[in-house]
Protein backbone atom coordinates (compact mmCIF):
# COMPACT_ATOMS: atom_id res chain seq x y z
CA ASP A 1 0.09 -0.06 0.07
CA PRO A 2 1.46 3.22 -1.34
CA GLY A 3 2.05 5.79 1.27
CA ARG A 4 2.14 3.13 4.39
CA ALA A 5 4.99 2.62 6.84
CA ALA A 6 5.70 -1.48 7.34
CA LEU A 7 5.12 -2.89 10.63
CA ALA A 8 8.88 -2.30 11.42
CA GLN A 9 8.69 1.08 10.45
CA SER A 10 6.01 1.57 12.79
CA ILE A 11 7.58 -0.02 15.55
CA ALA A 12 10.55 1.70 15.03
CA ILE A 13 8.74 5.13 14.85
CA GLY A 14 7.04 4.46 17.96
CA LEU A 15 9.83 3.19 19.68
CA SER A 16 12.06 6.37 18.73
CA LEU A 17 9.11 8.74 20.11
CA VAL A 18 9.21 6.90 23.46
CA ILE A 19 12.97 6.86 23.82
CA GLY A 20 13.61 10.73 22.53
CA CYS A 21 10.76 11.75 24.87
CA ILE A 22 11.94 9.84 28.13
CA SER A 23 15.25 11.25 26.99
CA PHE A 24 14.40 14.63 26.46
CA ALA A 25 12.84 14.58 29.93
CA GLY A 26 15.75 13.33 31.79
CA SER A 27 17.91 15.94 30.50
CA LEU A 28 15.54 18.55 32.08
CA VAL A 29 15.60 16.94 35.23
CA ALA A 30 19.64 16.86 34.94
CA PHE A 31 19.50 20.46 34.04
CA ALA A 32 17.65 21.65 36.89
CA LYS A 33 19.44 19.62 39.68
CA LEU A 34 22.83 21.31 38.18
CA GLN A 35 21.11 24.60 38.02
CA GLU A 36 19.90 23.69 41.39
CA LEU A 37 16.32 24.54 40.66
CA ILE A 38 15.07 21.64 42.12
CA GLY A 39 16.68 19.39 45.04
CA GLY A 40 18.28 15.89 44.30
CA ARG A 41 15.59 13.88 46.36
CA PRO A 42 13.35 11.58 43.90
CA VAL A 43 9.66 12.96 43.78
CA THR A 44 6.80 10.54 45.17
CA TYR A 45 3.66 10.42 45.72
CA PRO A 46 0.67 8.02 46.52
CA ALA A 47 -0.09 5.48 43.06
CA GLN A 48 2.85 6.70 41.54
CA LYS A 49 3.14 3.35 40.00
CA ALA A 50 -0.82 3.37 39.00
CA VAL A 51 0.12 6.80 37.46
CA ASN A 52 3.10 6.04 35.18
CA ALA A 53 1.42 3.20 34.20
CA ALA A 54 -1.40 4.66 32.97
CA ILE A 55 0.80 7.05 31.21
CA ALA A 56 2.99 4.45 29.79
CA ALA A 57 -0.21 2.94 28.19
CA ALA A 58 -1.11 6.26 27.34
CA ILE A 59 2.60 6.83 25.13
CA VAL A 60 2.09 3.33 23.72
CA ILE A 61 -1.58 3.62 22.39
CA LEU A 62 -0.72 7.29 21.01
CA ALA A 63 2.54 5.88 19.23
CA ALA A 64 0.46 3.17 17.44
CA SER A 65 -1.89 5.63 16.77
CA ILE A 66 0.52 8.05 15.36
CA SER A 67 2.19 4.90 13.70
CA PHE A 68 -0.90 3.10 11.72
CA SER A 69 -3.35 6.26 10.79
CA ASP A 70 -2.61 7.58 6.96
CA GLY A 71 -5.83 8.29 6.61
CA GLU A 72 -5.84 12.16 6.98
CA ALA A 73 -2.73 12.53 4.90
CA ARG A 74 -4.19 10.88 2.44
CA LEU A 75 -7.57 13.20 2.42
CA VAL A 76 -5.07 16.34 2.48
CA ALA A 77 -2.94 15.22 -0.37
CA ALA A 78 -6.75 14.48 -2.70
CA GLY A 79 -7.94 17.76 -1.59
CA ALA A 80 -4.42 19.65 -2.82
CA LEU A 81 -4.31 17.29 -5.76
CA ALA A 82 -8.05 18.32 -7.05
CA ARG A 83 -7.13 22.12 -6.71
CA GLU A 84 -5.20 22.88 -10.01
CA GLU A 85 -3.54 25.79 -9.11
CA SER A 86 -0.78 27.05 -7.58
CA ARG A 87 -1.32 29.36 -4.54
CA GLY A 88 0.36 30.38 -1.35
CA ALA A 89 2.27 26.85 -0.09
CA HIS A 90 0.40 24.90 -2.31
CA ALA A 91 3.00 25.04 -5.25
CA ARG A 92 1.93 22.79 -8.30
CA ARG A 93 4.56 22.38 -11.12
CA ASP A 94 1.75 21.15 -13.76
CA PHE A 95 -0.11 23.85 -12.87
CA PRO A 96 1.76 26.76 -11.72
CA ARG A 97 -0.64 29.67 -12.23
CA THR A 98 -3.45 30.82 -9.06
CA ASP A 99 -7.33 30.46 -10.70
CA ALA A 100 -9.12 33.56 -9.99
CA ALA A 101 -12.35 31.71 -10.05
CA LEU A 102 -11.32 29.85 -7.00
CA ASP A 103 -10.61 32.90 -4.70
CA GLY A 104 -12.91 32.00 -1.56
CA ARG A 105 -13.25 28.14 -2.03
CA HIS A 106 -12.02 25.87 -0.02
CA SER A 107 -11.92 22.38 -0.98
CA VAL A 108 -14.52 20.01 0.93
CA ILE A 109 -13.83 16.16 0.39
CA ALA A 110 -14.98 13.23 2.65
CA ALA A 111 -13.56 9.33 3.04
CA GLY A 112 -14.62 7.05 0.45
CA GLY A 113 -14.06 7.87 -2.55
CA THR A 114 -16.26 10.79 -3.00
CA PRO A 115 -15.01 13.40 -5.49
CA VAL A 116 -13.65 16.59 -4.06
CA GLU A 117 -15.97 19.45 -4.00
CA LEU A 118 -14.97 23.08 -4.30
CA ALA A 119 -17.06 25.11 -1.70
CA SER A 120 -17.38 28.82 -1.56
CA TRP A 121 -16.25 30.42 2.12
CA ARG A 122 -19.70 32.93 1.92
C-alpha cells in the first residue's frame, strides 16, 4: 500500500518517539538539578506506580495511532491534488498559476472516494 509504513517502520517510529521523550525529560531533570532549581531527592506521591503505568499505556496507544493512521494524510493529499492551481504554500509545477475563479473557495472531501467539492467560504 503506497504511503503506508511497514510494521517494522511503525514500531521503530513509536520506539523512537518514546525513547526521545524519555531522554529529553531526563535532560531537563539533569539540567534543573545541576542548576539547583530542584532538590536531589526523588519525588514520590501516592499511587505513583499506577499513574506511571497509565502514562506508559497512553504513550503506547498514541504512538500506535500515529504510526498506523494515514487516512487524514490521504484526504489532505486528495484535496490538494483536486486544486488545479498554485496558491500560497500550495505550489504545483503542473499548474503554476493562481486561478481567480477559486478565490474564496476551499476543498471539501470525505473518505470513501467521493469527488472533491470546491465550496465557497461565504
